[in-house]
């Protein structure tokens, strides 16, 4: 695939960050207070899981692990999907770093990427960048048992919510995003995780992120355990 220049990738990332905090991967800056995201994966993101369980007042670390997975998936899918459809650039997430004190993500000062229109199989590229290179590695490193179907459902749910957020800002991209979302939901571990059930790209998953198990928790909009109306789930 044809590489996009660092300046174009950085400009695309800066632009899509305006869509919200989950769309933000900051390029550049010092390495102080950050560490390679692979270190977090190898440690099972234990610090984030413990903090999340404490925040929601649960002793079930698998619930904290699921919510951390879901949030991290959203922080990967959102900027990657937005840069792809808004700027025609797929960011390369090699060199990704995580804040020592939280889930915020950062890339090197000169981030790299590829032009989306030059990819023979764009869905395969996106799946490789987000799922194979990151979410699968995170799942493998978890010290807490999380069912593979739940993990895959989290990845799919985060993808669908990212697409919905982009459509809310850019309704003209609904058809493009809908087609891309459908293709991705037939790819690898995302296949069979759920279906798109509305013109706004509303998603119904076939698993549950377990958020309802925290004190005062609810079943999320896309949960397999709730009816069509659903409730707003974790803010990750």
C-alpha atoms as a PDB file:
ATOM      1  CA  UNK A   1       0.000   0.000   0.000  1.00  0.00           C
ATOM      2  CA  UNK A   2       1.074   3.580  -0.592  1.00  0.00           C
ATOM      3  CA  UNK A   3       2.388   5.348   2.489  1.00  0.00           C
ATOM      4  CA  UNK A   4       0.879   8.685   3.525  1.00  0.00           C
ATOM      5  CA  UNK A   5       3.342  11.397   4.611  1.00  0.00           C
ATOM      6  CA  UNK A   6       3.691  12.044   8.322  1.00  0.00           C
ATOM      7  CA  UNK A   7       2.270  15.556   8.017  1.00  0.00           C
ATOM      8  CA  UNK A   8      -0.923  14.300   6.383  1.00  0.00           C
ATOM      9  CA  UNK A   9      -1.387  11.594   9.036  1.00  0.00           C
ATOM     10  CA  UNK A  10      -0.807  14.067  11.881  1.00  0.00           C
ATOM     11  CA  UNK A  11      -3.255  16.554  10.326  1.00  0.00           C
ATOM     12  CA  UNK A  12      -5.908  13.842   9.959  1.00  0.00           C
ATOM     13  CA  UNK A  13      -5.488  12.755  13.588  1.00  0.00           C
ATOM     14  CA  UNK A  14      -5.710  16.350  14.781  1.00  0.00           C
ATOM     15  CA  UNK A  15      -8.877  16.943  12.768  1.00  0.00           C
ATOM     16  CA  UNK A  16     -10.790  13.858  13.917  1.00  0.00           C
ATOM     17  CA  UNK A  17      -9.890  14.527  17.567  1.00  0.00           C
ATOM     18  CA  UNK A  18     -12.529  17.283  17.429  1.00  0.00           C
ATOM     19  CA  UNK A  19     -15.184  14.535  17.314  1.00  0.00           C
ATOM     20  CA  UNK A  20     -14.579  13.686  20.969  1.00  0.00           C
ATOM     21  CA  UNK A  21     -12.148  12.206  23.490  1.00  0.00           C
ATOM     22  CA  UNK A  22     -12.407   8.666  22.126  1.00  0.00           C
ATOM     23  CA  UNK A  23     -11.246   9.992  18.741  1.00  0.00           C
ATOM     24  CA  UNK A  24      -8.047  11.428  20.191  1.00  0.00           C
ATOM     25  CA  UNK A  25      -4.644   9.850  19.655  1.00  0.00           C
ATOM     26  CA  UNK A  26      -2.149  12.639  20.169  1.00  0.00           C
ATOM     27  CA  UNK A  27       0.986  12.529  18.007  1.00  0.00           C
ATOM     28  CA  UNK A  28       4.269  13.864  19.320  1.00  0.00           C
ATOM     29  CA  UNK A  29       5.253  15.120  22.721  1.00  0.00           C
ATOM     30  CA  UNK A  30       7.653  13.731  25.294  1.00  0.00           C
ATOM     31  CA  UNK A  31       7.830  10.074  26.316  1.00  0.00           C
ATOM     32  CA  UNK A  32       7.802  11.118  29.967  1.00  0.00           C
ATOM     33  CA  UNK A  33       4.707   9.772  31.678  1.00  0.00           C
ATOM     34  CA  UNK A  34       4.012   7.325  28.837  1.00  0.00           C
ATOM     35  CA  UNK A  35       4.950   3.750  28.063  1.00  0.00           C
ATOM     36  CA  UNK A  36       4.638   1.376  25.081  1.00  0.00           C
ATOM     37  CA  UNK A  37       1.116   0.015  24.913  1.00  0.00           C
ATOM     38  CA  UNK A  38       2.613  -3.474  24.503  1.00  0.00           C
ATOM     39  CA  UNK A  39       3.818  -3.209  28.114  1.00  0.00           C
ATOM     40  CA  UNK A  40       0.219  -2.681  29.208  1.00  0.00           C
ATOM     41  CA  UNK A  41      -0.924  -5.651  27.159  1.00  0.00           C
ATOM     42  CA  UNK A  42       1.764  -7.894  28.657  1.00  0.00           C
ATOM     43  CA  UNK A  43       0.711  -6.802  32.152  1.00  0.00           C
ATOM     44  CA  UNK A  44      -2.937  -7.475  31.323  1.00  0.00           C
ATOM     45  CA  UNK A  45      -3.775  -3.781  31.804  1.00  0.00           C
ATOM     46  CA  UNK A  46      -3.966  -4.670  35.488  1.00  0.00           C
ATOM     47  CA  UNK A  47      -3.675  -1.040  36.631  1.00  0.00           C
ATOM     48  CA  UNK A  48      -6.588   0.114  34.467  1.00  0.00           C
ATOM     49  CA  UNK A  49      -8.721  -2.872  35.459  1.00  0.00           C
ATOM     50  CA  UNK A  50      -8.169  -2.306  39.176  1.00  0.00           C
ATOM     51  CA  UNK A  51      -8.945   1.410  38.785  1.00  0.00           C
ATOM     52  CA  UNK A  52     -12.083   0.681  36.770  1.00  0.00           C
ATOM     53  CA  UNK A  53     -13.355  -1.905  39.274  1.00  0.00           C
ATOM     54  CA  UNK A  54     -12.732   0.570  42.099  1.00  0.00           C
ATOM     55  CA  UNK A  55     -14.467   3.373  40.200  1.00  0.00           C
ATOM     56  CA  UNK A  56     -17.597   1.281  39.690  1.00  0.00           C
ATOM     57  CA  UNK A  57     -17.495  -0.317  43.130  1.00  0.00           C
ATOM     58  CA  UNK A  58     -17.240  -3.944  42.061  1.00  0.00           C
ATOM     59  CA  UNK A  59     -15.036  -6.785  43.265  1.00  0.00           C
ATOM     60  CA  UNK A  60     -15.515  -8.643  39.983  1.00  0.00           C
ATOM     61  CA  UNK A  61     -12.306  -7.929  38.138  1.00  0.00           C
ATOM     62  CA  UNK A  62     -13.672  -9.570  34.985  1.00  0.00           C
ATOM     63  CA  UNK A  63     -16.256  -6.771  34.858  1.00  0.00           C
ATOM     64  CA  UNK A  64     -13.485  -4.194  35.146  1.00  0.00           C
ATOM     65  CA  UNK A  65     -11.516  -6.076  32.484  1.00  0.00           C
ATOM     66  CA  UNK A  66     -14.463  -6.068  30.090  1.00  0.00           C
ATOM     67  CA  UNK A  67     -15.079  -2.345  30.534  1.00  0.00           C
ATOM     68  CA  UNK A  68     -11.375  -1.597  30.026  1.00  0.00           C
ATOM     69  CA  UNK A  69     -11.393  -3.723  26.852  1.00  0.00           C
ATOM     70  CA  UNK A  70     -14.448  -1.898  25.566  1.00  0.00           C
ATOM     71  CA  UNK A  71     -12.955   1.519  26.267  1.00  0.00           C
ATOM     72  CA  UNK A  72      -9.605   0.673  24.714  1.00  0.00           C
ATOM     73  CA  UNK A  73     -11.324  -0.724  21.610  1.00  0.00           C
ATOM     74  CA  UNK A  74     -13.249   2.540  21.280  1.00  0.00           C
ATOM     75  CA  UNK A  75     -10.024   4.563  21.571  1.00  0.00           C
ATOM     76  CA  UNK A  76      -8.532   2.526  18.732  1.00  0.00           C
ATOM     77  CA  UNK A  77     -11.488   2.175  16.373  1.00  0.00           C
ATOM     78  CA  UNK A  78     -12.703   5.774  16.633  1.00  0.00           C
ATOM     79  CA  UNK A  79      -9.645   7.653  15.275  1.00  0.00           C
ATOM     80  CA  UNK A  80      -8.727   4.893  12.818  1.00  0.00           C
ATOM     81  CA  UNK A  81     -12.238   4.725  11.346  1.00  0.00           C
ATOM     82  CA  UNK A  82     -12.641   8.511  11.282  1.00  0.00           C
ATOM     83  CA  UNK A  83      -9.279   9.121   9.588  1.00  0.00           C
ATOM     84  CA  UNK A  84     -10.155   6.441   7.030  1.00  0.00           C
ATOM     85  CA  UNK A  85     -13.544   7.805   5.986  1.00  0.00           C
ATOM     86  CA  UNK A  86     -12.917  11.521   6.504  1.00  0.00           C
ATOM     87  CA  UNK A  87      -9.364  11.792   5.166  1.00  0.00           C
ATOM     88  CA  UNK A  88      -8.734   8.586   3.227  1.00  0.00           C
ATOM     89  CA  UNK A  89      -5.830   7.708   5.546  1.00  0.00           C
ATOM     90  CA  UNK A  90      -5.426   4.601   7.720  1.00  0.00           C
ATOM     91  CA  UNK A  91      -3.133   5.497  10.637  1.00  0.00           C
ATOM     92  CA  UNK A  92      -0.370   3.038  11.485  1.00  0.00           C
ATOM     93  CA  UNK A  93      -0.592   2.281  15.223  1.00  0.00           C
ATOM     94  CA  UNK A  94       2.923   0.913  15.569  1.00  0.00           C
ATOM     95  CA  UNK A  95       4.757   2.827  18.291  1.00  0.00           C
ATOM     96  CA  UNK A  96       1.499   3.500  20.170  1.00  0.00           C
ATOM     97  CA  UNK A  97       2.054   4.609  23.749  1.00  0.00           C
ATOM     98  CA  UNK A  98      -0.274   4.831  26.746  1.00  0.00           C
ATOM     99  CA  UNK A  99      -0.304   7.379  29.544  1.00  0.00           C
ATOM    100  CA  UNK A 100       1.118   6.008  32.792  1.00  0.00           C
ATOM    101  CA  UNK A 101      -1.828   7.390  34.747  1.00  0.00           C
ATOM    102  CA  UNK A 102      -4.735   6.518  32.479  1.00  0.00           C
ATOM    103  CA  UNK A 103      -6.003   5.200  29.130  1.00  0.00           C
ATOM    104  CA  UNK A 104      -5.002   8.142  26.896  1.00  0.00           C
ATOM    105  CA  UNK A 105      -3.060   7.108  23.776  1.00  0.00           C
ATOM    106  CA  UNK A 106      -0.191   8.767  21.917  1.00  0.00           C
ATOM    107  CA  UNK A 107       1.765   8.163  18.695  1.00  0.00           C
ATOM    108  CA  UNK A 108       5.293   9.203  17.676  1.00  0.00           C
ATOM    109  CA  UNK A 109       5.892  12.785  16.575  1.00  0.00           C
ATOM    110  CA  UNK A 110       5.947  11.699  12.931  1.00  0.00           C
ATOM    111  CA  UNK A 111       3.076   9.198  12.695  1.00  0.00           C
ATOM    112  CA  UNK A 112       2.808   6.991   9.647  1.00  0.00           C
ATOM    113  CA  UNK A 113      -0.106   5.539   7.727  1.00  0.00           C
ATOM    114  CA  UNK A 114      -1.441   4.442   4.367  1.00  0.00           C
ATOM    115  CA  UNK A 115      -3.815   5.846   1.775  1.00  0.00           C
ATOM    116  CA  UNK A 116      -7.091   3.954   2.114  1.00  0.00           C
ATOM    117  CA  UNK A 117      -7.934   4.045  -1.591  1.00  0.00           C
ATOM    118  CA  UNK A 118      -4.718   2.157  -2.312  1.00  0.00           C
ATOM    119  CA  UNK A 119      -5.669  -0.818  -0.104  1.00  0.00           C
ATOM    120  CA  UNK A 120      -6.905  -3.814  -2.151  1.00  0.00           C
ATOM    121  CA  UNK A 121      -8.900  -5.089   0.859  1.00  0.00           C
ATOM    122  CA  UNK A 122      -9.526  -2.139   3.179  1.00  0.00           C
ATOM    123  CA  UNK A 123     -11.485  -4.122   5.778  1.00  0.00           C
ATOM    124  CA  UNK A 124      -8.590  -6.562   6.146  1.00  0.00           C
ATOM    125  CA  UNK A 125      -6.196  -3.652   6.708  1.00  0.00           C
ATOM    126  CA  UNK A 126      -8.435  -2.065   9.350  1.00  0.00           C
ATOM    127  CA  UNK A 127      -8.941  -5.409  11.084  1.00  0.00           C
ATOM    128  CA  UNK A 128      -5.199  -6.032  11.147  1.00  0.00           C
ATOM    129  CA  UNK A 129      -4.393  -2.551  12.485  1.00  0.00           C
ATOM    130  CA  UNK A 130      -6.960  -2.590  15.305  1.00  0.00           C
ATOM    131  CA  UNK A 131      -7.902  -6.181  16.156  1.00  0.00           C
ATOM    132  CA  UNK A 132      -4.933  -8.367  15.211  1.00  0.00           C
ATOM    133  CA  UNK A 133      -2.191  -5.978  16.307  1.00  0.00           C
ATOM    134  CA  UNK A 134      -3.863  -4.618  19.442  1.00  0.00           C
ATOM    135  CA  UNK A 135      -7.140  -6.056  20.719  1.00  0.00           C
ATOM    136  CA  UNK A 136      -6.067  -9.686  20.264  1.00  0.00           C
ATOM    137  CA  UNK A 137      -2.794  -8.957  22.069  1.00  0.00           C
ATOM    138  CA  UNK A 138      -4.649  -7.231  24.906  1.00  0.00           C
ATOM    139  CA  UNK A 139      -7.037 -10.186  25.252  1.00  0.00           C
ATOM    140  CA  UNK A 140      -4.139 -12.657  25.337  1.00  0.00           C
ATOM    141  CA  UNK A 141      -2.415 -10.737  28.133  1.00  0.00           C
ATOM    142  CA  UNK A 142      -5.383 -10.452  30.484  1.00  0.00           C
ATOM    143  CA  UNK A 143      -4.838 -11.992  33.935  1.00  0.00           C
ATOM    144  CA  UNK A 144      -8.618 -12.120  34.384  1.00  0.00           C
ATOM    145  CA  UNK A 145     -10.741 -14.680  32.568  1.00  0.00           C
ATOM    146  CA  UNK A 146     -12.914 -12.989  29.939  1.00  0.00           C
ATOM    147  CA  UNK A 147     -14.834 -15.169  27.476  1.00  0.00           C
ATOM    148  CA  UNK A 148     -13.617 -14.892  23.861  1.00  0.00           C
ATOM    149  CA  UNK A 149     -17.158 -14.141  22.675  1.00  0.00           C
ATOM    150  CA  UNK A 150     -17.457 -11.283  25.163  1.00  0.00           C
ATOM    151  CA  UNK A 151     -14.099  -9.867  24.072  1.00  0.00           C
ATOM    152  CA  UNK A 152     -15.076 -10.046  20.394  1.00  0.00           C
ATOM    153  CA  UNK A 153     -18.445  -8.493  21.212  1.00  0.00           C
ATOM    154  CA  UNK A 154     -16.700  -5.592  22.929  1.00  0.00           C
ATOM    155  CA  UNK A 155     -14.561  -5.031  19.825  1.00  0.00           C
ATOM    156  CA  UNK A 156     -17.634  -5.045  17.590  1.00  0.00           C
ATOM    157  CA  UNK A 157     -19.679  -2.828  19.904  1.00  0.00           C
ATOM    158  CA  UNK A 158     -16.889  -0.245  20.070  1.00  0.00           C
ATOM    159  CA  UNK A 159     -16.591  -0.319  16.275  1.00  0.00           C
ATOM    160  CA  UNK A 160     -20.310   0.227  15.785  1.00  0.00           C
ATOM    161  CA  UNK A 161     -20.470   3.063  18.320  1.00  0.00           C
ATOM    162  CA  UNK A 162     -17.520   4.737  16.622  1.00  0.00           C
ATOM    163  CA  UNK A 163     -19.323   4.538  13.289  1.00  0.00           C
ATOM    164  CA  UNK A 164     -22.520   5.952  14.838  1.00  0.00           C
ATOM    165  CA  UNK A 165     -20.622   8.889  16.342  1.00  0.00           C
ATOM    166  CA  UNK A 166     -19.107   9.727  12.967  1.00  0.00           C
ATOM    167  CA  UNK A 167     -22.500   9.497  11.238  1.00  0.00           C
ATOM    168  CA  UNK A 168     -23.996  11.809  13.867  1.00  0.00           C
ATOM    169  CA  UNK A 169     -21.412  14.423  12.881  1.00  0.00           C
ATOM    170  CA  UNK A 170     -21.412  13.608   9.155  1.00  0.00           C
ATOM    171  CA  UNK A 171     -24.768  12.149   8.061  1.00  0.00           C
ATOM    172  CA  UNK A 172     -23.596  12.230   4.437  1.00  0.00           C
ATOM    173  CA  UNK A 173     -21.199   9.384   5.254  1.00  0.00           C
ATOM    174  CA  UNK A 174     -23.899   6.988   6.484  1.00  0.00           C
ATOM    175  CA  UNK A 175     -23.870   4.846   3.337  1.00  0.00           C
ATOM    176  CA  UNK A 176     -20.060   4.632   3.250  1.00  0.00           C
ATOM    177  CA  UNK A 177     -19.797   3.820   6.938  1.00  0.00           C
ATOM    178  CA  UNK A 178     -22.684   1.359   6.770  1.00  0.00           C
ATOM    179  CA  UNK A 179     -20.992  -0.632   4.018  1.00  0.00           C
ATOM    180  CA  UNK A 180     -17.638  -0.573   5.814  1.00  0.00           C
ATOM    181  CA  UNK A 181     -19.247  -1.600   9.100  1.00  0.00           C
ATOM    182  CA  UNK A 182     -21.096  -4.498   7.448  1.00  0.00           C
ATOM    183  CA  UNK A 183     -17.859  -5.735   5.875  1.00  0.00           C
ATOM    184  CA  UNK A 184     -15.926  -5.491   9.132  1.00  0.00           C
ATOM    185  CA  UNK A 185     -18.659  -7.360  11.017  1.00  0.00           C
ATOM    186  CA  UNK A 186     -18.082 -10.275   8.656  1.00  0.00           C
ATOM    187  CA  UNK A 187     -14.317 -10.300   9.271  1.00  0.00           C
ATOM    188  CA  UNK A 188     -12.328 -12.529  11.632  1.00  0.00           C
ATOM    189  CA  UNK A 189     -13.456 -12.566  15.256  1.00  0.00           C
ATOM    190  CA  UNK A 190     -16.000  -9.827  14.569  1.00  0.00           C
ATOM    191  CA  UNK A 191     -18.079 -12.222  12.485  1.00  0.00           C
ATOM    192  CA  UNK A 192     -21.194 -13.353  14.306  1.00  0.00           C
ATOM    193  CA  UNK A 193     -20.865 -10.817  17.130  1.00  0.00           C
ATOM    194  CA  UNK A 194     -24.099  -9.016  16.267  1.00  0.00           C
ATOM    195  CA  UNK A 195     -26.046  -7.153  13.623  1.00  0.00           C
ATOM    196  CA  UNK A 196     -26.778  -3.589  12.563  1.00  0.00           C
ATOM    197  CA  UNK A 197     -30.471  -3.014  13.288  1.00  0.00           C
ATOM    198  CA  UNK A 198     -31.164   0.601  12.363  1.00  0.00           C
ATOM    199  CA  UNK A 199     -30.503   3.249   9.717  1.00  0.00           C
ATOM    200  CA  UNK A 200     -28.449   5.142  12.319  1.00  0.00           C
ATOM    201  CA  UNK A 201     -26.144   2.076  12.425  1.00  0.00           C
ATOM    202  CA  UNK A 202     -27.541   0.999  15.798  1.00  0.00           C
ATOM    203  CA  UNK A 203     -25.978  -2.336  16.729  1.00  0.00           C
ATOM    204  CA  UNK A 204     -27.370  -5.323  18.637  1.00  0.00           C
ATOM    205  CA  UNK A 205     -24.618  -7.551  19.996  1.00  0.00           C
ATOM    206  CA  UNK A 206     -24.934 -11.245  20.864  1.00  0.00           C
ATOM    207  CA  UNK A 207     -23.000 -10.913  24.111  1.00  0.00           C
ATOM    208  CA  UNK A 208     -22.946  -8.688  27.187  1.00  0.00           C
ATOM    209  CA  UNK A 209     -20.143  -6.444  28.476  1.00  0.00           C
ATOM    210  CA  UNK A 210     -21.218  -7.210  32.109  1.00  0.00           C
ATOM    211  CA  UNK A 211     -21.690  -3.555  33.041  1.00  0.00           C
ATOM    212  CA  UNK A 212     -25.092  -4.404  34.494  1.00  0.00           C
ATOM    213  CA  UNK A 213     -23.279  -6.332  37.255  1.00  0.00           C
ATOM    214  CA  UNK A 214     -21.780  -3.223  38.871  1.00  0.00           C
ATOM    215  CA  UNK A 215     -23.763  -1.467  41.613  1.00  0.00           C
ATOM    216  CA  UNK A 216     -26.358   0.766  39.940  1.00  0.00           C
ATOM    217  CA  UNK A 217     -25.320  -0.688  36.575  1.00  0.00           C
ATOM    218  CA  UNK A 218     -27.676  -0.990  33.612  1.00  0.00           C
ATOM    219  CA  UNK A 219     -27.901  -3.060  30.460  1.00  0.00           C
ATOM    220  CA  UNK A 220     -26.452  -1.156  27.509  1.00  0.00           C
ATOM    221  CA  UNK A 221     -28.354  -0.117  24.387  1.00  0.00           C
ATOM    222  CA  UNK A 222     -26.834  -2.874  22.281  1.00  0.00           C
ATOM    223  CA  UNK A 223     -26.861  -5.646  24.923  1.00  0.00           C
ATOM    224  CA  UNK A 224     -28.232  -9.082  24.077  1.00  0.00           C
ATOM    225  CA  UNK A 225     -29.943  -9.155  27.488  1.00  0.00           C
ATOM    226  CA  UNK A 226     -32.156  -6.120  27.038  1.00  0.00           C
ATOM    227  CA  UNK A 227     -35.065  -5.048  24.881  1.00  0.00           C
ATOM    228  CA  UNK A 228     -34.955  -2.664  21.922  1.00  0.00           C
ATOM    229  CA  UNK A 229     -34.966   0.488  24.032  1.00  0.00           C
ATOM    230  CA  UNK A 230     -31.972  -0.309  26.233  1.00  0.00           C
ATOM    231  CA  UNK A 231     -30.095   2.076  28.478  1.00  0.00           C
ATOM    232  CA  UNK A 232     -26.880   3.990  28.207  1.00  0.00           C
ATOM    233  CA  UNK A 233     -24.017   1.893  29.507  1.00  0.00           C
ATOM    234  CA  UNK A 234     -20.517   2.681  30.762  1.00  0.00           C
ATOM    235  CA  UNK A 235     -18.624   5.758  29.725  1.00  0.00           C
ATOM    236  CA  UNK A 236     -15.448   3.621  29.671  1.00  0.00           C
END
